C-alpha cells in the first residue's frame, strides 16, 4: 500500500521545498522535511484519507493548508537570520526628529535651506548606517524624505495656471510635509517593534 508521502503531488511538493532550501544545512532541511511529512500524514489521517485511495483533492487541500514551498523556504531563512540589534531610543529619536524637521527647516529665514539640507543629509546617513531598519524600510524612508523636493514644485507648477491662492499654497505645503512625517512615523514604529521583540525597555 502506498503511503501519502509517495503520492505524486506530495513528492513534487517536498522536492520543491528541498530545492528552495538548498542554502540551509542538511540537518535543518531534514528536520523541516520530516516535520512536513508528519504533518501531511497526520492531516490526512484526521480526514480519514491516509490510505492508498487518497484522492488528489484531499492532498491538494492539505498542501494548501501547509502553504506554498516558497513561503516555507522564506520563513525558514528568516528564522535562521540573526535579528538586527535595536538602537537606543535616544538615537532613534534623533534620527526620527531629523527626518520630520528637515523640510520645515527649509522655511527658516536666511539659513533655512542650509539647515534643511544639513538635516536631510544627516538623517539619511543615520538611517542607512543604522542596523535596526531593513533595506526596504531605508529605501522607503529615503523616498518619502526626498519626495517633497519633487512633489511640491511639481504640484505648484501644475496649479499655477489656475492661480495659487493661499489655500492652495497651504495644501501643497501640507502634502509635502506629510511625506517626511510619514517616513518618521514608519521608522519609529519599526524601531519600537524591534525593541519589543528583543525584550528591550522603551526608555533604555
N, C-alpha and C. Protein backbone atom coordinates (compact mmCIF):
# COMPACT_ATOMS: atom_id res chain seq x y z
N UNK A 1 0.84 -1.19 0.00
CA UNK A 1 0.00 0.00 0.00
C UNK A 1 0.89 1.25 0.00
N UNK A 2 0.63 2.18 -0.87
CA UNK A 2 1.39 3.41 -0.93
C UNK A 2 1.07 4.29 0.26
N UNK A 3 2.09 5.01 0.72
CA UNK A 3 1.88 5.97 1.81
C UNK A 3 1.56 7.33 1.20
N UNK A 4 0.95 8.23 1.99
CA UNK A 4 0.65 9.56 1.46
C UNK A 4 1.88 10.29 0.94
N UNK A 5 3.04 10.04 1.55
CA UNK A 5 4.25 10.73 1.13
C UNK A 5 4.73 10.27 -0.24
N UNK A 6 4.22 9.14 -0.72
CA UNK A 6 4.60 8.65 -2.04
C UNK A 6 3.66 9.14 -3.13
N UNK A 7 2.64 9.88 -2.73
CA UNK A 7 1.72 10.42 -3.71
C UNK A 7 2.47 11.43 -4.59
N UNK A 8 2.25 11.41 -5.90
CA UNK A 8 2.99 12.31 -6.79
C UNK A 8 2.91 13.78 -6.40
N UNK A 9 1.75 14.24 -5.98
CA UNK A 9 1.61 15.65 -5.60
C UNK A 9 2.47 15.99 -4.38
N UNK A 10 2.50 15.05 -3.42
CA UNK A 10 3.31 15.26 -2.23
C UNK A 10 4.79 15.23 -2.57
N UNK A 11 5.17 14.30 -3.44
CA UNK A 11 6.57 14.20 -3.84
C UNK A 11 7.05 15.47 -4.52
N UNK A 12 6.21 16.00 -5.41
CA UNK A 12 6.57 17.25 -6.10
C UNK A 12 6.69 18.39 -5.10
N UNK A 13 5.76 18.43 -4.16
CA UNK A 13 5.75 19.49 -3.16
C UNK A 13 7.02 19.44 -2.30
N UNK A 14 7.35 18.27 -1.80
CA UNK A 14 8.53 18.14 -0.94
C UNK A 14 9.82 18.36 -1.71
N UNK A 15 9.85 17.93 -2.96
CA UNK A 15 11.03 18.18 -3.80
C UNK A 15 11.25 19.67 -4.00
N UNK A 16 10.15 20.41 -4.17
CA UNK A 16 10.26 21.86 -4.35
C UNK A 16 10.76 22.52 -3.07
N UNK A 17 10.27 22.07 -1.92
CA UNK A 17 10.77 22.60 -0.65
C UNK A 17 12.25 22.28 -0.50
N UNK A 18 12.62 21.07 -0.86
CA UNK A 18 14.03 20.66 -0.77
C UNK A 18 14.91 21.54 -1.66
N UNK A 19 14.42 21.83 -2.85
CA UNK A 19 15.21 22.65 -3.78
C UNK A 19 15.35 24.10 -3.27
N UNK A 20 14.27 24.64 -2.75
CA UNK A 20 14.28 26.03 -2.32
C UNK A 20 15.04 26.26 -1.02
N UNK A 21 15.31 25.19 -0.29
CA UNK A 21 16.06 25.31 0.97
C UNK A 21 17.47 24.78 0.84
N UNK A 22 17.99 24.76 -0.39
CA UNK A 22 19.32 24.20 -0.64
C UNK A 22 20.42 24.96 0.10
N UNK A 23 20.14 26.24 0.46
CA UNK A 23 21.16 27.03 1.15
C UNK A 23 21.19 26.76 2.65
N UNK A 24 20.26 25.97 3.15
CA UNK A 24 20.23 25.62 4.57
C UNK A 24 21.10 24.39 4.83
N UNK A 25 21.41 24.16 6.10
CA UNK A 25 22.20 22.98 6.44
C UNK A 25 21.38 21.71 6.21
N UNK A 26 22.07 20.60 6.01
CA UNK A 26 21.38 19.33 5.78
C UNK A 26 20.48 18.98 6.96
N UNK A 27 20.94 19.28 8.16
CA UNK A 27 20.15 18.94 9.36
C UNK A 27 18.84 19.72 9.39
N UNK A 28 18.92 21.03 9.10
CA UNK A 28 17.70 21.84 9.12
C UNK A 28 16.73 21.40 8.03
N UNK A 29 17.25 21.03 6.87
CA UNK A 29 16.38 20.58 5.78
C UNK A 29 15.73 19.25 6.14
N UNK A 30 16.50 18.33 6.74
CA UNK A 30 15.92 17.03 7.13
C UNK A 30 14.83 17.23 8.16
N UNK A 31 15.08 18.10 9.14
CA UNK A 31 14.07 18.36 10.16
C UNK A 31 12.81 18.96 9.54
N UNK A 32 13.00 19.90 8.64
CA UNK A 32 11.86 20.55 8.00
C UNK A 32 11.04 19.55 7.20
N UNK A 33 11.71 18.75 6.37
CA UNK A 33 11.00 17.79 5.53
C UNK A 33 10.32 16.72 6.37
N UNK A 34 10.97 16.31 7.47
CA UNK A 34 10.35 15.33 8.36
C UNK A 34 9.10 15.91 9.01
N UNK A 35 9.18 17.17 9.44
CA UNK A 35 8.02 17.82 10.05
C UNK A 35 6.88 17.95 9.04
N UNK A 36 7.21 18.33 7.81
CA UNK A 36 6.18 18.46 6.78
C UNK A 36 5.54 17.11 6.49
N UNK A 37 6.37 16.07 6.40
CA UNK A 37 5.83 14.74 6.13
C UNK A 37 4.90 14.27 7.23
N UNK A 38 5.29 14.51 8.48
CA UNK A 38 4.44 14.11 9.61
C UNK A 38 3.13 14.90 9.59
N UNK A 39 3.22 16.16 9.26
CA UNK A 39 2.00 16.98 9.23
C UNK A 39 1.06 16.48 8.14
N UNK A 40 1.60 16.18 6.99
CA UNK A 40 0.76 15.69 5.88
C UNK A 40 0.08 14.39 6.25
N UNK A 41 0.83 13.45 6.81
CA UNK A 41 0.25 12.16 7.19
C UNK A 41 -0.81 12.34 8.27
N UNK A 42 -0.51 13.20 9.27
CA UNK A 42 -1.47 13.41 10.36
C UNK A 42 -2.74 14.08 9.84
N UNK A 43 -2.58 15.07 8.94
CA UNK A 43 -3.74 15.78 8.41
C UNK A 43 -4.62 14.85 7.60
N UNK A 44 -4.01 13.98 6.81
CA UNK A 44 -4.79 13.04 6.01
C UNK A 44 -5.45 11.98 6.88
N UNK A 45 -4.75 11.59 7.96
CA UNK A 45 -5.33 10.62 8.87
C UNK A 45 -6.56 11.21 9.56
N UNK A 46 -6.48 12.48 9.93
CA UNK A 46 -7.63 13.14 10.56
C UNK A 46 -8.81 13.22 9.60
N UNK A 47 -8.51 13.33 8.31
CA UNK A 47 -9.57 13.40 7.31
C UNK A 47 -10.08 12.02 6.93
N UNK A 48 -9.35 10.97 7.40
CA UNK A 48 -9.73 9.62 7.03
C UNK A 48 -9.27 9.25 5.64
N UNK A 49 -8.19 9.94 5.15
CA UNK A 49 -7.73 9.71 3.79
C UNK A 49 -6.34 9.08 3.73
N UNK A 50 -5.82 8.64 4.86
CA UNK A 50 -4.46 8.12 4.88
C UNK A 50 -4.42 6.68 4.41
N UNK A 51 -4.75 6.44 3.17
CA UNK A 51 -4.65 5.10 2.60
C UNK A 51 -4.32 5.23 1.13
N UNK A 52 -4.30 4.11 0.43
CA UNK A 52 -3.88 4.14 -0.97
C UNK A 52 -4.94 4.73 -1.88
N UNK A 53 -6.11 5.05 -1.31
CA UNK A 53 -7.17 5.64 -2.13
C UNK A 53 -7.25 7.15 -1.96
N UNK A 54 -6.23 7.71 -1.32
CA UNK A 54 -6.23 9.15 -1.13
C UNK A 54 -6.36 9.85 -2.47
N UNK A 55 -7.34 10.74 -2.58
CA UNK A 55 -7.54 11.40 -3.87
C UNK A 55 -6.76 12.70 -3.94
N UNK A 56 -6.64 13.18 -5.17
CA UNK A 56 -5.85 14.39 -5.39
C UNK A 56 -6.43 15.58 -4.66
N UNK A 57 -7.74 15.68 -4.59
CA UNK A 57 -8.37 16.82 -3.94
C UNK A 57 -7.98 16.90 -2.46
N UNK A 58 -7.96 15.78 -1.79
CA UNK A 58 -7.59 15.76 -0.37
C UNK A 58 -6.14 16.19 -0.19
N UNK A 59 -5.27 15.68 -1.07
CA UNK A 59 -3.85 16.04 -1.00
C UNK A 59 -3.67 17.54 -1.22
N UNK A 60 -4.35 18.05 -2.24
CA UNK A 60 -4.21 19.48 -2.54
C UNK A 60 -4.69 20.35 -1.38
N UNK A 61 -5.76 19.91 -0.73
CA UNK A 61 -6.28 20.67 0.41
C UNK A 61 -5.26 20.74 1.52
N UNK A 62 -4.64 19.61 1.83
CA UNK A 62 -3.64 19.56 2.90
C UNK A 62 -2.42 20.40 2.53
N UNK A 63 -1.97 20.31 1.30
CA UNK A 63 -0.80 21.07 0.87
C UNK A 63 -1.08 22.57 0.87
N UNK A 64 -2.29 22.95 0.49
CA UNK A 64 -2.65 24.37 0.53
C UNK A 64 -2.65 24.89 1.96
N UNK A 65 -3.08 24.04 2.89
CA UNK A 65 -3.07 24.45 4.30
C UNK A 65 -1.64 24.64 4.81
N UNK A 66 -0.71 23.86 4.29
CA UNK A 66 0.69 23.99 4.69
C UNK A 66 1.30 25.30 4.18
N UNK A 67 0.88 25.72 3.01
CA UNK A 67 1.44 26.93 2.40
C UNK A 67 2.34 26.59 1.23
N UNK A 68 2.64 27.60 0.45
CA UNK A 68 3.48 27.40 -0.72
C UNK A 68 4.91 27.06 -0.30
N UNK A 69 5.60 26.22 -1.08
CA UNK A 69 7.01 25.93 -0.77
C UNK A 69 7.86 27.19 -0.66
N UNK A 70 7.58 28.20 -1.51
CA UNK A 70 8.34 29.44 -1.46
C UNK A 70 8.19 30.12 -0.11
N UNK A 71 6.96 30.10 0.42
CA UNK A 71 6.72 30.76 1.72
C UNK A 71 7.39 30.00 2.85
N UNK A 72 7.37 28.67 2.75
CA UNK A 72 8.01 27.86 3.79
C UNK A 72 9.51 28.08 3.78
N UNK A 73 10.11 28.14 2.59
CA UNK A 73 11.55 28.37 2.47
C UNK A 73 11.92 29.75 3.00
N UNK A 74 11.08 30.75 2.68
CA UNK A 74 11.35 32.11 3.15
C UNK A 74 11.26 32.20 4.68
N UNK A 75 10.28 31.50 5.25
CA UNK A 75 10.12 31.50 6.70
C UNK A 75 11.32 30.84 7.38
N UNK A 76 11.82 29.76 6.77
CA UNK A 76 12.98 29.07 7.34
C UNK A 76 14.21 29.96 7.28
N UNK A 77 14.37 30.67 6.17
CA UNK A 77 15.51 31.56 6.04
C UNK A 77 15.43 32.70 7.04
N UNK A 78 14.22 33.24 7.22
CA UNK A 78 14.03 34.33 8.17
C UNK A 78 14.28 33.87 9.60
N UNK A 79 13.88 32.65 9.88
CA UNK A 79 14.08 32.08 11.22
C UNK A 79 15.55 31.96 11.56
N UNK A 80 16.36 31.62 10.55
CA UNK A 80 17.79 31.44 10.79
C UNK A 80 18.60 32.71 10.72
N UNK A 81 17.96 33.82 10.29
CA UNK A 81 18.68 35.07 10.14
C UNK A 81 18.74 35.79 11.48
N UNK A 82 19.91 36.24 11.91
CA UNK A 82 20.00 36.95 13.19
C UNK A 82 19.22 38.25 13.15
N UNK A 83 18.52 38.53 14.23
CA UNK A 83 17.75 39.75 14.31
C UNK A 83 18.68 40.95 14.47
N UNK A 84 18.38 42.07 13.79
CA UNK A 84 19.23 43.26 13.95
C UNK A 84 19.16 43.77 15.38
N UNK A 85 20.24 44.40 15.78
CA UNK A 85 20.32 44.93 17.14
C UNK A 85 19.62 46.28 17.20
N UNK A 86 18.61 46.43 18.04
CA UNK A 86 17.91 47.73 18.12
C UNK A 86 18.80 48.80 18.71
N UNK A 87 18.66 50.01 18.22
CA UNK A 87 19.38 51.14 18.77
C UNK A 87 18.68 51.65 20.02
N UNK A 88 19.36 52.51 20.73
CA UNK A 88 18.75 53.11 21.91
C UNK A 88 17.62 54.03 21.48
N UNK A 89 16.62 54.22 22.33
CA UNK A 89 15.53 55.14 22.00
C UNK A 89 16.03 56.54 21.69
N UNK A 90 17.10 56.96 22.36
CA UNK A 90 17.63 58.30 22.14
C UNK A 90 18.16 58.47 20.72
N UNK A 91 18.95 57.49 20.25
CA UNK A 91 19.50 57.58 18.90
C UNK A 91 18.37 57.52 17.87
N UNK A 92 17.41 56.65 18.12
CA UNK A 92 16.27 56.56 17.20
C UNK A 92 15.49 57.86 17.17
N UNK A 93 15.29 58.47 18.34
CA UNK A 93 14.53 59.72 18.42
C UNK A 93 15.22 60.84 17.64
N UNK A 94 16.55 60.89 17.71
CA UNK A 94 17.28 61.93 16.98
C UNK A 94 17.10 61.73 15.47
N UNK A 95 17.22 60.49 15.02
CA UNK A 95 17.05 60.21 13.59
C UNK A 95 15.65 60.57 13.13
N UNK A 96 14.66 60.14 13.88
CA UNK A 96 13.27 60.41 13.53
C UNK A 96 13.00 61.91 13.52
N UNK A 97 13.55 62.65 14.50
CA UNK A 97 13.35 64.10 14.57
C UNK A 97 13.97 64.79 13.36
N UNK A 98 15.15 64.36 12.95
CA UNK A 98 15.81 64.96 11.78
C UNK A 98 14.98 64.73 10.52
N UNK A 99 14.41 63.53 10.40
CA UNK A 99 13.56 63.24 9.24
C UNK A 99 12.34 64.15 9.24
N UNK A 100 11.72 64.31 10.40
CA UNK A 100 10.49 65.11 10.48
C UNK A 100 10.75 66.60 10.31
N UNK A 101 11.94 67.09 10.74
CA UNK A 101 12.20 68.53 10.73
C UNK A 101 12.93 69.01 9.49
N UNK A 102 13.44 68.10 8.67
CA UNK A 102 14.25 68.51 7.52
C UNK A 102 13.50 69.49 6.63
N UNK A 103 12.28 69.16 6.26
CA UNK A 103 11.52 70.04 5.37
C UNK A 103 11.10 71.34 6.06
N UNK A 104 10.54 71.32 7.28
CA UNK A 104 10.19 72.59 7.93
C UNK A 104 11.37 73.54 8.10
N UNK A 105 12.58 72.98 8.28
CA UNK A 105 13.75 73.85 8.46
C UNK A 105 14.05 74.69 7.22
N UNK A 106 13.59 74.23 6.07
CA UNK A 106 13.85 74.96 4.83
C UNK A 106 13.22 76.36 4.84
N UNK A 107 12.18 76.55 5.63
CA UNK A 107 11.48 77.85 5.62
C UNK A 107 12.01 78.80 6.68
N UNK A 108 13.04 78.41 7.43
CA UNK A 108 13.65 79.33 8.39
C UNK A 108 14.31 80.46 7.62
N UNK A 109 14.06 81.69 7.98
CA UNK A 109 14.64 82.82 7.24
C UNK A 109 16.16 82.75 7.15
N UNK A 110 16.67 83.08 6.00
CA UNK A 110 18.10 83.21 5.71
C UNK A 110 18.83 81.87 5.68
N UNK A 111 18.87 81.17 6.79
CA UNK A 111 19.67 79.94 6.87
C UNK A 111 18.83 78.69 6.66
N UNK A 112 17.55 78.84 6.34
CA UNK A 112 16.67 77.69 6.22
C UNK A 112 17.13 76.62 5.25
N UNK A 113 17.45 76.97 3.99
CA UNK A 113 17.90 75.93 3.05
C UNK A 113 19.12 75.16 3.53
N UNK A 114 20.06 75.87 4.14
CA UNK A 114 21.26 75.20 4.65
C UNK A 114 20.91 74.25 5.78
N UNK A 115 20.05 74.71 6.71
CA UNK A 115 19.65 73.85 7.83
C UNK A 115 18.86 72.64 7.34
N UNK A 116 17.93 72.86 6.43
CA UNK A 116 17.12 71.76 5.92
C UNK A 116 17.95 70.73 5.20
N UNK A 117 18.89 71.20 4.35
CA UNK A 117 19.75 70.27 3.62
C UNK A 117 20.64 69.48 4.58
N UNK A 118 21.19 70.18 5.57
CA UNK A 118 22.05 69.50 6.55
C UNK A 118 21.27 68.45 7.32
N UNK A 119 20.05 68.79 7.73
CA UNK A 119 19.22 67.83 8.47
C UNK A 119 18.90 66.62 7.62
N UNK A 120 18.58 66.84 6.34
CA UNK A 120 18.24 65.73 5.45
C UNK A 120 19.44 64.82 5.24
N UNK A 121 20.61 65.41 5.03
CA UNK A 121 21.83 64.62 4.79
C UNK A 121 22.18 63.79 6.02
N UNK A 122 22.14 64.42 7.19
CA UNK A 122 22.45 63.69 8.43
C UNK A 122 21.42 62.61 8.69
N UNK A 123 20.15 62.92 8.44
CA UNK A 123 19.09 61.92 8.66
C UNK A 123 19.30 60.71 7.76
N UNK A 124 19.60 60.95 6.50
CA UNK A 124 19.82 59.83 5.57
C UNK A 124 21.03 59.01 5.98
N UNK A 125 22.08 59.67 6.41
CA UNK A 125 23.27 58.93 6.84
C UNK A 125 22.96 58.07 8.06
N UNK A 126 22.21 58.60 9.01
CA UNK A 126 21.86 57.84 10.21
C UNK A 126 20.93 56.67 9.86
N UNK A 127 20.02 56.90 8.93
CA UNK A 127 19.11 55.82 8.52
C UNK A 127 19.88 54.67 7.89
N UNK A 128 20.77 54.99 6.95
CA UNK A 128 21.45 53.95 6.18
C UNK A 128 22.58 53.26 6.94
N UNK A 129 23.06 53.87 8.03
CA UNK A 129 24.09 53.22 8.84
C UNK A 129 23.51 52.50 10.05
N UNK A 130 22.21 52.66 10.28
CA UNK A 130 21.57 52.01 11.43
C UNK A 130 21.25 50.56 11.07
N UNK A 131 21.58 49.61 11.93
CA UNK A 131 21.31 48.20 11.64
C UNK A 131 19.87 47.79 11.93
N UNK A 132 19.09 48.65 12.56
CA UNK A 132 17.77 48.22 13.03
C UNK A 132 16.68 48.29 11.97
N UNK A 133 16.97 48.92 10.83
CA UNK A 133 15.98 49.00 9.76
C UNK A 133 16.41 48.17 8.58
N UNK A 134 15.45 47.51 7.93
CA UNK A 134 15.76 46.70 6.76
C UNK A 134 16.08 47.60 5.57
N UNK A 135 16.64 46.99 4.54
CA UNK A 135 16.98 47.75 3.34
C UNK A 135 15.71 48.36 2.71
N UNK A 136 14.63 47.58 2.73
CA UNK A 136 13.38 48.09 2.18
C UNK A 136 12.86 49.29 2.96
N UNK A 137 12.94 49.23 4.29
CA UNK A 137 12.50 50.35 5.12
C UNK A 137 13.36 51.59 4.86
N UNK A 138 14.65 51.38 4.67
CA UNK A 138 15.55 52.51 4.41
C UNK A 138 15.22 53.15 3.06
N UNK A 139 14.93 52.32 2.05
CA UNK A 139 14.57 52.86 0.74
C UNK A 139 13.28 53.67 0.81
N UNK A 140 12.28 53.13 1.51
CA UNK A 140 11.00 53.84 1.63
C UNK A 140 11.18 55.17 2.36
N UNK A 141 11.95 55.15 3.44
CA UNK A 141 12.17 56.38 4.20
C UNK A 141 12.91 57.41 3.36
N UNK A 142 13.89 56.96 2.58
CA UNK A 142 14.64 57.88 1.72
C UNK A 142 13.72 58.51 0.69
N UNK A 143 12.88 57.70 0.08
CA UNK A 143 11.96 58.23 -0.94
C UNK A 143 11.00 59.24 -0.32
N UNK A 144 10.44 58.91 0.83
CA UNK A 144 9.47 59.80 1.47
C UNK A 144 10.13 61.10 1.92
N UNK A 145 11.39 61.01 2.34
CA UNK A 145 12.08 62.21 2.81
C UNK A 145 12.41 63.15 1.65
N UNK A 146 12.81 62.58 0.52
CA UNK A 146 13.25 63.40 -0.62
C UNK A 146 12.11 63.74 -1.58
N UNK A 147 11.00 63.01 -1.50
CA UNK A 147 9.90 63.23 -2.45
C UNK A 147 9.39 64.66 -2.48
N UNK A 148 9.29 65.38 -1.34
CA UNK A 148 8.78 66.75 -1.41
C UNK A 148 9.59 67.66 -2.32
N UNK A 149 10.88 67.37 -2.51
CA UNK A 149 11.70 68.20 -3.39
C UNK A 149 11.19 68.15 -4.82
N UNK A 150 10.48 67.06 -5.16
CA UNK A 150 9.89 66.93 -6.49
C UNK A 150 8.39 67.21 -6.45
N UNK A 151 7.73 66.68 -5.44
CA UNK A 151 6.27 66.77 -5.36
C UNK A 151 5.80 68.21 -5.21
N UNK A 152 6.41 68.96 -4.31
CA UNK A 152 5.94 70.33 -4.04
C UNK A 152 6.11 71.24 -5.26
N UNK A 153 7.30 71.31 -5.88
CA UNK A 153 7.42 72.15 -7.09
C UNK A 153 6.51 71.68 -8.22
N UNK A 154 6.39 70.36 -8.39
CA UNK A 154 5.53 69.85 -9.47
C UNK A 154 4.08 70.23 -9.23
N UNK A 155 3.62 70.12 -7.99
CA UNK A 155 2.24 70.47 -7.68
C UNK A 155 2.02 71.97 -7.85
N UNK A 156 2.99 72.78 -7.44
CA UNK A 156 2.86 74.22 -7.59
C UNK A 156 2.81 74.61 -9.07
N UNK A 157 3.64 73.97 -9.87
CA UNK A 157 3.65 74.26 -11.31
C UNK A 157 2.33 73.85 -11.97
N UNK A 158 1.82 72.69 -11.56
CA UNK A 158 0.57 72.19 -12.16
C UNK A 158 -0.62 73.09 -11.79
N UNK A 159 -0.57 73.67 -10.59
CA UNK A 159 -1.70 74.50 -10.14
C UNK A 159 -1.54 75.97 -10.50
N UNK A 160 -0.37 76.37 -10.95
CA UNK A 160 -0.11 77.79 -11.20
C UNK A 160 -1.02 78.41 -12.26
N UNK A 161 -1.42 77.69 -13.33
CA UNK A 161 -2.31 78.33 -14.30
C UNK A 161 -3.64 78.78 -13.69
N UNK A 162 -4.09 78.06 -12.69
CA UNK A 162 -5.36 78.42 -12.05
C UNK A 162 -5.16 79.47 -10.97
N UNK A 163 -3.91 79.81 -10.68
CA UNK A 163 -3.64 80.80 -9.64
C UNK A 163 -3.47 80.13 -8.30
N UNK A 164 -2.36 80.42 -7.65
CA UNK A 164 -2.06 79.81 -6.35
C UNK A 164 -2.63 80.68 -5.24
N UNK A 165 -3.80 80.33 -4.79
CA UNK A 165 -4.40 81.04 -3.67
C UNK A 165 -3.72 80.60 -2.37
N UNK A 166 -3.86 81.35 -1.30
CA UNK A 166 -3.27 80.94 -0.02
C UNK A 166 -3.70 79.54 0.41
N UNK A 167 -4.94 79.18 0.12
CA UNK A 167 -5.42 77.85 0.50
C UNK A 167 -4.67 76.77 -0.27
N UNK A 168 -4.47 77.00 -1.58
CA UNK A 168 -3.75 76.02 -2.38
C UNK A 168 -2.29 75.92 -1.96
N UNK A 169 -1.69 77.05 -1.64
CA UNK A 169 -0.30 77.03 -1.18
C UNK A 169 -0.17 76.21 0.10
N UNK A 170 -1.09 76.43 1.02
CA UNK A 170 -1.06 75.66 2.27
C UNK A 170 -1.31 74.17 2.01
N UNK A 171 -2.19 73.87 1.07
CA UNK A 171 -2.49 72.47 0.76
C UNK A 171 -1.27 71.78 0.17
N UNK A 172 -0.58 72.47 -0.75
CA UNK A 172 0.63 71.89 -1.36
C UNK A 172 1.71 71.70 -0.29
N UNK A 173 1.88 72.70 0.57
CA UNK A 173 2.89 72.59 1.63
C UNK A 173 2.57 71.45 2.59
N UNK A 174 1.29 71.32 2.93
CA UNK A 174 0.88 70.24 3.85
C UNK A 174 1.11 68.88 3.23
N UNK A 175 0.82 68.75 1.92
CA UNK A 175 1.04 67.47 1.25
C UNK A 175 2.52 67.12 1.24
N UNK A 176 3.37 68.12 0.99
CA UNK A 176 4.81 67.87 1.00
C UNK A 176 5.31 67.51 2.38
N UNK A 177 4.81 68.20 3.39
CA UNK A 177 5.24 67.93 4.76
C UNK A 177 4.79 66.55 5.23
N UNK A 178 3.67 66.08 4.73
CA UNK A 178 3.12 64.80 5.20
C UNK A 178 4.03 63.63 4.85
N UNK A 179 4.77 63.73 3.76
CA UNK A 179 5.60 62.59 3.33
C UNK A 179 6.76 62.33 4.30
N UNK A 180 7.56 63.34 4.67
CA UNK A 180 8.60 63.07 5.68
C UNK A 180 8.03 62.67 7.03
N UNK A 181 6.89 63.24 7.39
CA UNK A 181 6.27 62.85 8.66
C UNK A 181 5.87 61.38 8.63
N UNK A 182 5.39 60.93 7.49
CA UNK A 182 5.06 59.52 7.35
C UNK A 182 6.31 58.66 7.48
N UNK A 183 7.42 59.10 6.86
CA UNK A 183 8.68 58.37 6.97
C UNK A 183 9.12 58.27 8.43
N UNK A 184 9.02 59.39 9.15
CA UNK A 184 9.41 59.39 10.56
C UNK A 184 8.55 58.43 11.37
N UNK A 185 7.25 58.44 11.10
CA UNK A 185 6.34 57.57 11.85
C UNK A 185 6.64 56.09 11.57
N UNK A 186 6.90 55.76 10.31
CA UNK A 186 7.19 54.37 9.96
C UNK A 186 8.50 53.90 10.58
N UNK A 187 9.51 54.75 10.57
CA UNK A 187 10.79 54.38 11.18
C UNK A 187 10.63 54.19 12.69
N UNK A 188 9.90 55.08 13.33
CA UNK A 188 9.71 54.98 14.78
C UNK A 188 8.94 53.71 15.13
N UNK A 189 7.90 53.40 14.35
CA UNK A 189 7.11 52.21 14.64
C UNK A 189 7.94 50.94 14.45
N UNK A 190 8.74 50.90 13.38
CA UNK A 190 9.58 49.72 13.14
C UNK A 190 10.59 49.54 14.26
N UNK A 191 11.23 50.63 14.68
CA UNK A 191 12.21 50.55 15.77
C UNK A 191 11.55 50.10 17.06
N UNK A 192 10.34 50.59 17.32
CA UNK A 192 9.63 50.18 18.53
C UNK A 192 9.29 48.71 18.53
N UNK A 193 8.87 48.19 17.39
CA UNK A 193 8.55 46.77 17.29
C UNK A 193 9.80 45.92 17.50
N UNK A 194 10.93 46.37 16.95
CA UNK A 194 12.16 45.61 17.10
C UNK A 194 12.60 45.58 18.56
N UNK A 195 12.48 46.69 19.25
CA UNK A 195 12.84 46.73 20.67
C UNK A 195 11.92 45.83 21.48
N UNK A 196 10.63 45.85 21.15
CA UNK A 196 9.69 44.98 21.87
C UNK A 196 10.01 43.52 21.64
N UNK A 197 10.35 43.17 20.38
CA UNK A 197 10.67 41.78 20.07
C UNK A 197 11.94 41.33 20.76
N UNK A 198 12.87 42.28 20.98
CA UNK A 198 14.12 41.95 21.65
C UNK A 198 14.00 42.03 23.17
N UNK A 199 12.82 42.40 23.64
CA UNK A 199 12.60 42.49 25.08
C UNK A 199 13.32 43.67 25.72
N UNK A 200 13.54 44.71 24.92
CA UNK A 200 14.22 45.91 25.46
C UNK A 200 13.18 46.88 26.00
N UNK A 201 13.49 47.53 27.13
CA UNK A 201 12.57 48.56 27.63
C UNK A 201 12.56 49.76 26.72
N UNK A 202 11.48 50.50 26.73
CA UNK A 202 11.32 51.62 25.81
C UNK A 202 12.16 52.82 26.20
N UNK A 203 12.71 52.82 27.43
CA UNK A 203 13.40 54.01 27.92
C UNK A 203 14.90 53.81 28.01
N UNK A 204 15.43 52.68 27.53
CA UNK A 204 16.86 52.45 27.73
C UNK A 204 17.48 51.93 26.45
